[in-house]
Structure formats: C-alpha cells, structure tokens
mmCIF file of all heavy atoms, coordinates in Angstrom:
data_MODEL
# 
_entry.id   MODEL 
# 
loop_
_atom_site.group_PDB 
_atom_site.id 
_atom_site.type_symbol 
_atom_site.label_atom_id 
_atom_site.label_alt_id 
_atom_site.label_comp_id 
_atom_site.label_asym_id 
_atom_site.label_entity_id 
_atom_site.label_seq_id 
_atom_site.pdbx_PDB_ins_code 
_atom_site.Cartn_x 
_atom_site.Cartn_y 
_atom_site.Cartn_z 
_atom_site.occupancy 
_atom_site.B_iso_or_equiv 
_atom_site.pdbx_formal_charge 
_atom_site.auth_seq_id 
_atom_site.auth_comp_id 
_atom_site.auth_asym_id 
_atom_site.auth_atom_id 
_atom_site.pdbx_PDB_model_num 
ATOM 1   N N   . VAL A 1 1  ? 26.105 -11.422 -32.767 1.00 0.00 ? 1  VAL A N   1 
ATOM 2   C CA  . VAL A 1 1  ? 24.846 -11.168 -32.001 1.00 0.00 ? 1  VAL A CA  1 
ATOM 3   C C   . VAL A 1 1  ? 24.368 -9.712  -32.189 1.00 0.00 ? 1  VAL A C   1 
ATOM 4   O O   . VAL A 1 1  ? 24.307 -8.908  -31.339 1.00 0.00 ? 1  VAL A O   1 
ATOM 5   C CB  . VAL A 1 1  ? 25.146 -11.366 -30.475 1.00 0.00 ? 1  VAL A CB  1 
ATOM 6   C CG1 . VAL A 1 1  ? 25.255 -12.809 -30.105 1.00 0.00 ? 1  VAL A CG1 1 
ATOM 7   C CG2 . VAL A 1 1  ? 26.484 -10.660 -29.997 1.00 0.00 ? 1  VAL A CG2 1 
ATOM 8   N N   . GLY A 1 2  ? 23.821 -9.419  -33.389 1.00 0.00 ? 2  GLY A N   1 
ATOM 9   C CA  . GLY A 1 2  ? 23.884 -10.247 -34.592 1.00 0.00 ? 2  GLY A CA  1 
ATOM 10  C C   . GLY A 1 2  ? 25.090 -9.924  -35.483 1.00 0.00 ? 2  GLY A C   1 
ATOM 11  O O   . GLY A 1 2  ? 25.859 -9.038  -35.173 1.00 0.00 ? 2  GLY A O   1 
ATOM 12  N N   . PRO A 1 3  ? 25.246 -10.611 -36.588 1.00 0.00 ? 3  PRO A N   1 
ATOM 13  C CA  . PRO A 1 3  ? 26.343 -10.483 -37.436 1.00 0.00 ? 3  PRO A CA  1 
ATOM 14  C C   . PRO A 1 3  ? 26.592 -9.048  -37.959 1.00 0.00 ? 3  PRO A C   1 
ATOM 15  O O   . PRO A 1 3  ? 27.724 -8.592  -37.996 1.00 0.00 ? 3  PRO A O   1 
ATOM 16  C CB  . PRO A 1 3  ? 26.024 -11.456 -38.583 1.00 0.00 ? 3  PRO A CB  1 
ATOM 17  C CG  . PRO A 1 3  ? 25.105 -12.507 -37.979 1.00 0.00 ? 3  PRO A CG  1 
ATOM 18  C CD  . PRO A 1 3  ? 24.321 -11.736 -37.000 1.00 0.00 ? 3  PRO A CD  1 
ATOM 19  N N   . TYR A 1 4  ? 25.502 -8.381  -38.381 1.00 0.00 ? 4  TYR A N   1 
ATOM 20  C CA  . TYR A 1 4  ? 25.666 -7.050  -38.871 1.00 0.00 ? 4  TYR A CA  1 
ATOM 21  C C   . TYR A 1 4  ? 26.077 -6.057  -37.811 1.00 0.00 ? 4  TYR A C   1 
ATOM 22  O O   . TYR A 1 4  ? 26.811 -5.090  -38.051 1.00 0.00 ? 4  TYR A O   1 
ATOM 23  C CB  . TYR A 1 4  ? 24.389 -6.553  -39.537 1.00 0.00 ? 4  TYR A CB  1 
ATOM 24  C CG  . TYR A 1 4  ? 24.085 -7.186  -40.860 1.00 0.00 ? 4  TYR A CG  1 
ATOM 25  C CD1 . TYR A 1 4  ? 23.079 -8.185  -41.016 1.00 0.00 ? 4  TYR A CD1 1 
ATOM 26  C CD2 . TYR A 1 4  ? 24.827 -6.886  -42.018 1.00 0.00 ? 4  TYR A CD2 1 
ATOM 27  C CE1 . TYR A 1 4  ? 22.823 -8.769  -42.214 1.00 0.00 ? 4  TYR A CE1 1 
ATOM 28  C CE2 . TYR A 1 4  ? 24.581 -7.476  -43.263 1.00 0.00 ? 4  TYR A CE2 1 
ATOM 29  C CZ  . TYR A 1 4  ? 23.573 -8.434  -43.347 1.00 0.00 ? 4  TYR A CZ  1 
ATOM 30  O OH  . TYR A 1 4  ? 23.329 -8.981  -44.587 1.00 0.00 ? 4  TYR A OH  1 
ATOM 31  N N   . ALA A 1 5  ? 25.650 -6.283  -36.569 1.00 0.00 ? 5  ALA A N   1 
ATOM 32  C CA  . ALA A 1 5  ? 26.018 -5.474  -35.430 1.00 0.00 ? 5  ALA A CA  1 
ATOM 33  C C   . ALA A 1 5  ? 27.517 -5.567  -35.204 1.00 0.00 ? 5  ALA A C   1 
ATOM 34  O O   . ALA A 1 5  ? 28.184 -4.554  -34.876 1.00 0.00 ? 5  ALA A O   1 
ATOM 35  C CB  . ALA A 1 5  ? 25.254 -5.827  -34.189 1.00 0.00 ? 5  ALA A CB  1 
ATOM 36  N N   . GLY A 1 6  ? 28.039 -6.748  -35.319 1.00 0.00 ? 6  GLY A N   1 
ATOM 37  C CA  . GLY A 1 6  ? 29.516 -6.935  -35.150 1.00 0.00 ? 6  GLY A CA  1 
ATOM 38  C C   . GLY A 1 6  ? 30.288 -6.153  -36.176 1.00 0.00 ? 6  GLY A C   1 
ATOM 39  O O   . GLY A 1 6  ? 31.293 -5.512  -35.884 1.00 0.00 ? 6  GLY A O   1 
ATOM 40  N N   . LEU A 1 7  ? 29.825 -6.183  -37.444 1.00 0.00 ? 7  LEU A N   1 
ATOM 41  C CA  . LEU A 1 7  ? 30.469 -5.459  -38.538 1.00 0.00 ? 7  LEU A CA  1 
ATOM 42  C C   . LEU A 1 7  ? 30.383 -3.963  -38.225 1.00 0.00 ? 7  LEU A C   1 
ATOM 43  O O   . LEU A 1 7  ? 31.325 -3.200  -38.452 1.00 0.00 ? 7  LEU A O   1 
ATOM 44  C CB  . LEU A 1 7  ? 29.889 -5.788  -39.893 1.00 0.00 ? 7  LEU A CB  1 
ATOM 45  C CG  . LEU A 1 7  ? 30.133 -7.146  -40.438 1.00 0.00 ? 7  LEU A CG  1 
ATOM 46  C CD1 . LEU A 1 7  ? 29.287 -7.367  -41.682 1.00 0.00 ? 7  LEU A CD1 1 
ATOM 47  C CD2 . LEU A 1 7  ? 31.600 -7.349  -40.713 1.00 0.00 ? 7  LEU A CD2 1 
ATOM 48  N N   . GLU A 1 8  ? 29.206 -3.517  -37.791 1.00 0.00 ? 8  GLU A N   1 
ATOM 49  C CA  . GLU A 1 8  ? 29.008 -2.090  -37.515 1.00 0.00 ? 8  GLU A CA  1 
ATOM 50  C C   . GLU A 1 8  ? 29.952 -1.583  -36.403 1.00 0.00 ? 8  GLU A C   1 
ATOM 51  O O   . GLU A 1 8  ? 30.455 -0.474  -36.485 1.00 0.00 ? 8  GLU A O   1 
ATOM 52  C CB  . GLU A 1 8  ? 27.572 -1.774  -37.220 1.00 0.00 ? 8  GLU A CB  1 
ATOM 53  C CG  . GLU A 1 8  ? 27.267 -0.336  -36.952 1.00 0.00 ? 8  GLU A CG  1 
ATOM 54  C CD  . GLU A 1 8  ? 27.651 0.643   -38.021 1.00 0.00 ? 8  GLU A CD  1 
ATOM 55  O OE1 . GLU A 1 8  ? 27.623 0.236   -39.187 1.00 0.00 ? 8  GLU A OE1 1 
ATOM 56  O OE2 . GLU A 1 8  ? 28.076 1.783   -37.692 1.00 0.00 ? 8  GLU A OE2 1 
ATOM 57  N N   . LEU A 1 9  ? 30.090 -2.484  -35.371 1.00 0.00 ? 9  LEU A N   1 
ATOM 58  C CA  . LEU A 1 9  ? 31.018 -2.055  -34.312 1.00 0.00 ? 9  LEU A CA  1 
ATOM 59  C C   . LEU A 1 9  ? 32.418 -1.891  -34.791 1.00 0.00 ? 9  LEU A C   1 
ATOM 60  O O   . LEU A 1 9  ? 33.114 -0.916  -34.469 1.00 0.00 ? 9  LEU A O   1 
ATOM 61  C CB  . LEU A 1 9  ? 30.958 -3.061  -33.148 1.00 0.00 ? 9  LEU A CB  1 
ATOM 62  C CG  . LEU A 1 9  ? 31.925 -2.810  -31.989 1.00 0.00 ? 9  LEU A CG  1 
ATOM 63  C CD1 . LEU A 1 9  ? 31.727 -1.416  -31.419 1.00 0.00 ? 9  LEU A CD1 1 
ATOM 64  C CD2 . LEU A 1 9  ? 31.749 -3.874  -30.931 1.00 0.00 ? 9  LEU A CD2 1 
ATOM 65  N N   . GLN A 1 10 ? 32.934 -2.822  -35.618 1.00 0.00 ? 10 GLN A N   1 
ATOM 66  C CA  . GLN A 1 10 ? 34.251 -2.725  -36.119 1.00 0.00 ? 10 GLN A CA  1 
ATOM 67  C C   . GLN A 1 10 ? 34.375 -1.476  -37.040 1.00 0.00 ? 10 GLN A C   1 
ATOM 68  O O   . GLN A 1 10 ? 35.411 -0.781  -36.982 1.00 0.00 ? 10 GLN A O   1 
ATOM 69  C CB  . GLN A 1 10 ? 34.652 -3.968  -36.843 1.00 0.00 ? 10 GLN A CB  1 
ATOM 70  C CG  . GLN A 1 10 ? 36.152 -3.983  -37.280 1.00 0.00 ? 10 GLN A CG  1 
ATOM 71  C CD  . GLN A 1 10 ? 36.711 -5.386  -37.468 1.00 0.00 ? 10 GLN A CD  1 
ATOM 72  O OE1 . GLN A 1 10 ? 36.057 -6.355  -37.234 1.00 0.00 ? 10 GLN A OE1 1 
ATOM 73  N NE2 . GLN A 1 10 ? 37.936 -5.417  -37.954 1.00 0.00 ? 10 GLN A NE2 1 
ATOM 74  N N   . ASN A 1 11 ? 33.355 -1.243  -37.847 1.00 0.00 ? 11 ASN A N   1 
ATOM 75  C CA  . ASN A 1 11 ? 33.416 0.003   -38.665 1.00 0.00 ? 11 ASN A CA  1 
ATOM 76  C C   . ASN A 1 11 ? 33.466 1.217   -37.818 1.00 0.00 ? 11 ASN A C   1 
ATOM 77  O O   . ASN A 1 11 ? 34.141 2.196   -38.170 1.00 0.00 ? 11 ASN A O   1 
ATOM 78  C CB  . ASN A 1 11 ? 32.167 0.036   -39.573 1.00 0.00 ? 11 ASN A CB  1 
ATOM 79  C CG  . ASN A 1 11 ? 32.336 -0.851  -40.800 1.00 0.00 ? 11 ASN A CG  1 
ATOM 80  O OD1 . ASN A 1 11 ? 33.392 -1.087  -41.267 1.00 0.00 ? 11 ASN A OD1 1 
ATOM 81  N ND2 . ASN A 1 11 ? 31.178 -1.413  -41.262 1.00 0.00 ? 11 ASN A ND2 1 
ATOM 82  N N   . ALA A 1 12 ? 32.710 1.242   -36.693 1.00 0.00 ? 12 ALA A N   1 
ATOM 83  C CA  . ALA A 1 12 ? 32.693 2.389   -35.842 1.00 0.00 ? 12 ALA A CA  1 
ATOM 84  C C   . ALA A 1 12 ? 34.052 2.634   -35.195 1.00 0.00 ? 12 ALA A C   1 
ATOM 85  O O   . ALA A 1 12 ? 34.536 3.772   -35.043 1.00 0.00 ? 12 ALA A O   1 
ATOM 86  C CB  . ALA A 1 12 ? 31.647 2.221   -34.739 1.00 0.00 ? 12 ALA A CB  1 
ATOM 87  N N   . ILE A 1 13 ? 34.738 1.506   -34.821 1.00 0.00 ? 13 ILE A N   1 
ATOM 88  C CA  . ILE A 1 13 ? 36.081 1.616   -34.266 1.00 0.00 ? 13 ILE A CA  1 
ATOM 89  C C   . ILE A 1 13 ? 37.009 2.298   -35.261 1.00 0.00 ? 13 ILE A C   1 
ATOM 90  O O   . ILE A 1 13 ? 37.809 3.170   -34.929 1.00 0.00 ? 13 ILE A O   1 
ATOM 91  C CB  . ILE A 1 13 ? 36.591 0.255   -33.841 1.00 0.00 ? 13 ILE A CB  1 
ATOM 92  C CG1 . ILE A 1 13 ? 35.826 -0.300  -32.618 1.00 0.00 ? 13 ILE A CG1 1 
ATOM 93  C CG2 . ILE A 1 13 ? 38.058 0.318   -33.464 1.00 0.00 ? 13 ILE A CG2 1 
ATOM 94  C CD1 . ILE A 1 13 ? 36.045 -1.733  -32.330 1.00 0.00 ? 13 ILE A CD1 1 
ATOM 95  N N   . LEU A 1 14 ? 36.909 1.881   -36.532 1.00 0.00 ? 14 LEU A N   1 
ATOM 96  C CA  . LEU A 1 14 ? 37.738 2.438   -37.553 1.00 0.00 ? 14 LEU A CA  1 
ATOM 97  C C   . LEU A 1 14 ? 37.420 3.907   -37.818 1.00 0.00 ? 14 LEU A C   1 
ATOM 98  O O   . LEU A 1 14 ? 38.290 4.752   -37.924 1.00 0.00 ? 14 LEU A O   1 
ATOM 99  C CB  . LEU A 1 14 ? 37.587 1.640   -38.873 1.00 0.00 ? 14 LEU A CB  1 
ATOM 100 C CG  . LEU A 1 14 ? 38.030 0.165   -38.845 1.00 0.00 ? 14 LEU A CG  1 
ATOM 101 C CD1 . LEU A 1 14 ? 37.768 -0.458  -40.135 1.00 0.00 ? 14 LEU A CD1 1 
ATOM 102 C CD2 . LEU A 1 14 ? 39.478 0.032   -38.441 1.00 0.00 ? 14 LEU A CD2 1 
ATOM 103 N N   . ARG A 1 15 ? 36.093 4.215   -37.857 1.00 0.00 ? 15 ARG A N   1 
ATOM 104 C CA  . ARG A 1 15 ? 35.713 5.596   -38.090 1.00 0.00 ? 15 ARG A CA  1 
ATOM 105 C C   . ARG A 1 15 ? 36.158 6.564   -37.045 1.00 0.00 ? 15 ARG A C   1 
ATOM 106 O O   . ARG A 1 15 ? 36.407 7.749   -37.315 1.00 0.00 ? 15 ARG A O   1 
ATOM 107 C CB  . ARG A 1 15 ? 34.190 5.672   -38.272 1.00 0.00 ? 15 ARG A CB  1 
ATOM 108 C CG  . ARG A 1 15 ? 33.626 5.052   -39.534 1.00 0.00 ? 15 ARG A CG  1 
ATOM 109 C CD  . ARG A 1 15 ? 32.184 5.516   -39.815 1.00 0.00 ? 15 ARG A CD  1 
ATOM 110 N NE  . ARG A 1 15 ? 31.339 5.281   -38.693 1.00 0.00 ? 15 ARG A NE  1 
ATOM 111 C CZ  . ARG A 1 15 ? 30.606 4.189   -38.546 1.00 0.00 ? 15 ARG A CZ  1 
ATOM 112 N NH1 . ARG A 1 15 ? 30.674 3.190   -39.424 1.00 0.00 ? 15 ARG A NH1 1 
ATOM 113 N NH2 . ARG A 1 15 ? 29.823 4.040   -37.474 1.00 0.00 ? 15 ARG A NH2 1 
ATOM 114 N N   . HIS A 1 16 ? 36.229 6.093   -35.831 1.00 0.00 ? 16 HIS A N   1 
ATOM 115 C CA  . HIS A 1 16 ? 36.589 6.961   -34.699 1.00 0.00 ? 16 HIS A CA  1 
ATOM 116 C C   . HIS A 1 16 ? 38.027 6.924   -34.301 1.00 0.00 ? 16 HIS A C   1 
ATOM 117 O O   . HIS A 1 16 ? 38.433 7.444   -33.298 1.00 0.00 ? 16 HIS A O   1 
ATOM 118 C CB  . HIS A 1 16 ? 35.702 6.612   -33.456 1.00 0.00 ? 16 HIS A CB  1 
ATOM 119 C CG  . HIS A 1 16 ? 34.277 7.032   -33.645 1.00 0.00 ? 16 HIS A CG  1 
ATOM 120 N ND1 . HIS A 1 16 ? 33.361 6.241   -34.248 1.00 0.00 ? 16 HIS A ND1 1 
ATOM 121 C CD2 . HIS A 1 16 ? 33.624 8.167   -33.304 1.00 0.00 ? 16 HIS A CD2 1 
ATOM 122 C CE1 . HIS A 1 16 ? 32.189 6.823   -34.266 1.00 0.00 ? 16 HIS A CE1 1 
ATOM 123 N NE2 . HIS A 1 16 ? 32.313 8.023   -33.702 1.00 0.00 ? 16 HIS A NE2 1 
ATOM 124 N N   . THR A 1 17 ? 38.853 6.280   -35.180 1.00 0.00 ? 17 THR A N   1 
ATOM 125 C CA  . THR A 1 17 ? 40.302 6.238   -34.992 1.00 0.00 ? 17 THR A CA  1 
ATOM 126 C C   . THR A 1 17 ? 40.956 7.306   -35.845 1.00 0.00 ? 17 THR A C   1 
ATOM 127 O O   . THR A 1 17 ? 40.691 7.401   -37.030 1.00 0.00 ? 17 THR A O   1 
ATOM 128 C CB  . THR A 1 17 ? 40.864 4.880   -35.306 1.00 0.00 ? 17 THR A CB  1 
ATOM 129 O OG1 . THR A 1 17 ? 40.275 3.852   -34.436 1.00 0.00 ? 17 THR A OG1 1 
ATOM 130 C CG2 . THR A 1 17 ? 42.367 4.862   -35.116 1.00 0.00 ? 17 THR A CG2 1 
ATOM 131 N N   . GLU A 1 18 ? 41.776 8.160   -35.257 1.00 0.00 ? 18 GLU A N   1 
ATOM 132 C CA  . GLU A 1 18 ? 42.574 9.113   -36.037 1.00 0.00 ? 18 GLU A CA  1 
ATOM 133 C C   . GLU A 1 18 ? 43.783 8.387   -36.606 1.00 0.00 ? 18 GLU A C   1 
ATOM 134 O O   . GLU A 1 18 ? 44.678 7.964   -35.884 1.00 0.00 ? 18 GLU A O   1 
ATOM 135 C CB  . GLU A 1 18 ? 42.995 10.287  -35.147 1.00 0.00 ? 18 GLU A CB  1 
ATOM 136 C CG  . GLU A 1 18 ? 41.854 11.119  -34.628 1.00 0.00 ? 18 GLU A CG  1 
ATOM 137 C CD  . GLU A 1 18 ? 42.332 12.357  -33.871 1.00 0.00 ? 18 GLU A CD  1 
ATOM 138 O OE1 . GLU A 1 18 ? 43.583 12.551  -33.816 1.00 0.00 ? 18 GLU A OE1 1 
ATOM 139 O OE2 . GLU A 1 18 ? 41.459 13.073  -33.304 1.00 0.00 ? 18 GLU A OE2 1 
ATOM 140 N N   . ALA A 1 19 ? 43.794 8.223   -37.889 1.00 0.00 ? 19 ALA A N   1 
ATOM 141 C CA  . ALA A 1 19 ? 44.850 7.485   -38.531 1.00 0.00 ? 19 ALA A CA  1 
ATOM 142 C C   . ALA A 1 19 ? 45.163 8.063   -39.907 1.00 0.00 ? 19 ALA A C   1 
ATOM 143 O O   . ALA A 1 19 ? 44.313 8.583   -40.590 1.00 0.00 ? 19 ALA A O   1 
ATOM 144 C CB  . ALA A 1 19 ? 44.419 6.036   -38.679 1.00 0.00 ? 19 ALA A CB  1 
ATOM 145 N N   . SER A 1 20 ? 46.400 7.884   -40.292 1.00 0.00 ? 20 SER A N   1 
ATOM 146 C CA  . SER A 1 20 ? 46.839 8.377   -41.610 1.00 0.00 ? 20 SER A CA  1 
ATOM 147 C C   . SER A 1 20 ? 47.449 7.222   -42.428 1.00 0.00 ? 20 SER A C   1 
ATOM 148 O O   . SER A 1 20 ? 47.824 7.407   -43.576 1.00 0.00 ? 20 SER A O   1 
ATOM 149 C CB  . SER A 1 20 ? 47.942 9.480   -41.461 1.00 0.00 ? 20 SER A CB  1 
ATOM 150 O OG  . SER A 1 20 ? 48.994 9.032   -40.657 1.00 0.00 ? 20 SER A OG  1 
ATOM 151 N N   . ARG A 1 21 ? 47.512 6.051   -41.837 1.00 0.00 ? 21 ARG A N   1 
ATOM 152 C CA  . ARG A 1 21 ? 48.063 4.884   -42.496 1.00 0.00 ? 21 ARG A CA  1 
ATOM 153 C C   . ARG A 1 21 ? 47.509 3.628   -41.800 1.00 0.00 ? 21 ARG A C   1 
ATOM 154 O O   . ARG A 1 21 ? 46.974 3.676   -40.706 1.00 0.00 ? 21 ARG A O   1 
ATOM 155 C CB  . ARG A 1 21 ? 49.569 4.853   -42.473 1.00 0.00 ? 21 ARG A CB  1 
ATOM 156 C CG  . ARG A 1 21 ? 50.182 4.898   -41.108 1.00 0.00 ? 21 ARG A CG  1 
ATOM 157 C CD  . ARG A 1 21 ? 51.631 4.872   -41.024 1.00 0.00 ? 21 ARG A CD  1 
ATOM 158 N NE  . ARG A 1 21 ? 52.114 4.775   -39.665 1.00 0.00 ? 21 ARG A NE  1 
ATOM 159 C CZ  . ARG A 1 21 ? 53.311 4.269   -39.327 1.00 0.00 ? 21 ARG A CZ  1 
ATOM 160 N NH1 . ARG A 1 21 ? 54.128 3.871   -40.283 1.00 0.00 ? 21 ARG A NH1 1 
ATOM 161 N NH2 . ARG A 1 21 ? 53.678 4.252   -38.062 1.00 0.00 ? 21 ARG A NH2 1 
ATOM 162 N N   . ASP A 1 22 ? 47.660 2.480   -42.466 1.00 0.00 ? 22 ASP A N   1 
ATOM 163 C CA  . ASP A 1 22 ? 47.090 1.173   -41.958 1.00 0.00 ? 22 ASP A CA  1 
ATOM 164 C C   . ASP A 1 22 ? 47.614 0.926   -40.532 1.00 0.00 ? 22 ASP A C   1 
ATOM 165 O O   . ASP A 1 22 ? 46.851 0.507   -39.663 1.00 0.00 ? 22 ASP A O   1 
ATOM 166 C CB  . ASP A 1 22 ? 47.545 0.073   -42.838 1.00 0.00 ? 22 ASP A CB  1 
ATOM 167 C CG  . ASP A 1 22 ? 46.871 0.076   -44.181 1.00 0.00 ? 22 ASP A CG  1 
ATOM 168 O OD1 . ASP A 1 22 ? 45.872 0.787   -44.366 1.00 0.00 ? 22 ASP A OD1 1 
ATOM 169 O OD2 . ASP A 1 22 ? 47.349 -0.674  -45.070 1.00 0.00 ? 22 ASP A OD2 1 
ATOM 170 N N   . GLN A 1 23 ? 48.846 1.219   -40.305 1.00 0.00 ? 23 GLN A N   1 
ATOM 171 C CA  . GLN A 1 23 ? 49.490 0.834   -39.040 1.00 0.00 ? 23 GLN A CA  1 
ATOM 172 C C   . GLN A 1 23 ? 48.981 1.636   -37.847 1.00 0.00 ? 23 GLN A C   1 
ATOM 173 O O   . GLN A 1 23 ? 49.272 1.318   -36.706 1.00 0.00 ? 23 GLN A O   1 
ATOM 174 C CB  . GLN A 1 23 ? 51.068 0.965   -39.158 1.00 0.00 ? 23 GLN A CB  1 
ATOM 175 C CG  . GLN A 1 23 ? 51.701 -0.070  -40.076 1.00 0.00 ? 23 GLN A CG  1 
ATOM 176 C CD  . GLN A 1 23 ? 51.424 0.268   -41.534 1.00 0.00 ? 23 GLN A CD  1 
ATOM 177 O OE1 . GLN A 1 23 ? 51.145 1.416   -41.931 1.00 0.00 ? 23 GLN A OE1 1 
ATOM 178 N NE2 . GLN A 1 23 ? 51.617 -0.711  -42.413 1.00 0.00 ? 23 GLN A NE2 1 
ATOM 179 N N   . ASP A 1 24 ? 48.302 2.715   -38.112 1.00 0.00 ? 24 ASP A N   1 
ATOM 180 C CA  . ASP A 1 24 ? 47.735 3.570   -37.037 1.00 0.00 ? 24 ASP A CA  1 
ATOM 181 C C   . ASP A 1 24 ? 46.502 3.046   -36.379 1.00 0.00 ? 24 ASP A C   1 
ATOM 182 O O   . ASP A 1 24 ? 46.076 3.462   -35.329 1.00 0.00 ? 24 ASP A O   1 
ATOM 183 C CB  . ASP A 1 24 ? 47.456 4.987   -37.546 1.00 0.00 ? 24 ASP A CB  1 
ATOM 184 C CG  . ASP A 1 24 ? 48.771 5.700   -37.976 1.00 0.00 ? 24 ASP A CG  1 
ATOM 185 O OD1 . ASP A 1 24 ? 49.828 5.349   -37.424 1.00 0.00 ? 24 ASP A OD1 1 
ATOM 186 O OD2 . ASP A 1 24 ? 48.683 6.615   -38.828 1.00 0.00 ? 24 ASP A OD2 1 
ATOM 187 N N   . TYR A 1 25 ? 45.863 2.059   -37.038 1.00 0.00 ? 25 TYR A N   1 
ATOM 188 C CA  . TYR A 1 25 ? 44.568 1.531   -36.539 1.00 0.00 ? 25 TYR A CA  1 
ATOM 189 C C   . TYR A 1 25 ? 44.813 0.483   -35.501 1.00 0.00 ? 25 TYR A C   1 
ATOM 190 O O   . TYR A 1 25 ? 45.841 -0.200  -35.473 1.00 0.00 ? 25 TYR A O   1 
ATOM 191 C CB  . TYR A 1 25 ? 43.778 0.907   -37.664 1.00 0.00 ? 25 TYR A CB  1 
ATOM 192 C CG  . TYR A 1 25 ? 43.186 1.929   -38.613 1.00 0.00 ? 25 TYR A CG  1 
ATOM 193 C CD1 . TYR A 1 25 ? 43.886 2.268   -39.785 1.00 0.00 ? 25 TYR A CD1 1 
ATOM 194 C CD2 . TYR A 1 25 ? 42.034 2.604   -38.352 1.00 0.00 ? 25 TYR A CD2 1 
ATOM 195 C CE1 . TYR A 1 25 ? 43.408 3.194   -40.678 1.00 0.00 ? 25 TYR A CE1 1 
ATOM 196 C CE2 . TYR A 1 25 ? 41.492 3.496   -39.220 1.00 0.00 ? 25 TYR A CE2 1 
ATOM 197 C CZ  . TYR A 1 25 ? 42.207 3.821   -40.372 1.00 0.00 ? 25 TYR A CZ  1 
ATOM 198 O OH  . TYR A 1 25 ? 41.706 4.803   -41.235 1.00 0.00 ? 25 TYR A OH  1 
ATOM 199 N N   . PRO A 1 26 ? 43.917 0.406   -34.453 1.00 0.00 ? 26 PRO A N   1 
ATOM 200 C CA  . PRO A 1 26 ? 44.073 -0.588  -33.364 1.00 0.00 ? 26 PRO A CA  1 
ATOM 201 C C   . PRO A 1 26 ? 43.869 -2.002  -33.849 1.00 0.00 ? 26 PRO A C   1 
ATOM 202 O O   . PRO A 1 26 ? 43.043 -2.224  -34.792 1.00 0.00 ? 26 PRO A O   1 
ATOM 203 C CB  . PRO A 1 26 ? 43.055 -0.179  -32.346 1.00 0.00 ? 26 PRO A CB  1 
ATOM 204 C CG  . PRO A 1 26 ? 41.954 0.450   -33.194 1.00 0.00 ? 26 PRO A CG  1 
ATOM 205 C CD  . PRO A 1 26 ? 42.655 1.149   -34.308 1.00 0.00 ? 26 PRO A CD  1 
ATOM 206 N N   . PRO A 1 27 ? 44.544 -2.983  -33.244 1.00 0.00 ? 27 PRO A N   1 
ATOM 207 C CA  . PRO A 1 27 ? 44.287 -4.357  -33.612 1.00 0.00 ? 27 PRO A CA  1 
ATOM 208 C C   . PRO A 1 27 ? 42.899 -4.769  -33.086 1.00 0.00 ? 27 PRO A C   1 
ATOM 209 O O   . PRO A 1 27 ? 42.535 -4.533  -31.955 1.00 0.00 ? 27 PRO A O   1 
ATOM 210 C CB  . PRO A 1 27 ? 45.374 -5.131  -32.864 1.00 0.00 ? 27 PRO A CB  1 
ATOM 211 C CG  . PRO A 1 27 ? 45.765 -4.227  -31.716 1.00 0.00 ? 27 PRO A CG  1 
ATOM 212 C CD  . PRO A 1 27 ? 45.570 -2.793  -32.199 1.00 0.00 ? 27 PRO A CD  1 
# 
C-alpha cells in the first residue's frame, strides 16, 4: 500500500539499524 512504499520502509529499517553483520539486523 503501495508496493514501493513497503520496500522503502524495509530499507529504512535496515538503514537505521546499527549492525556489523547479518545477525545484528531485526527480523
């Protein structure tokens, strides 16, 4: 709702997560 907005939200979650490896990101 819409499809690109959903992708952008998930990208934003990743960008705002402090992580040094895959396992540090939230599910």
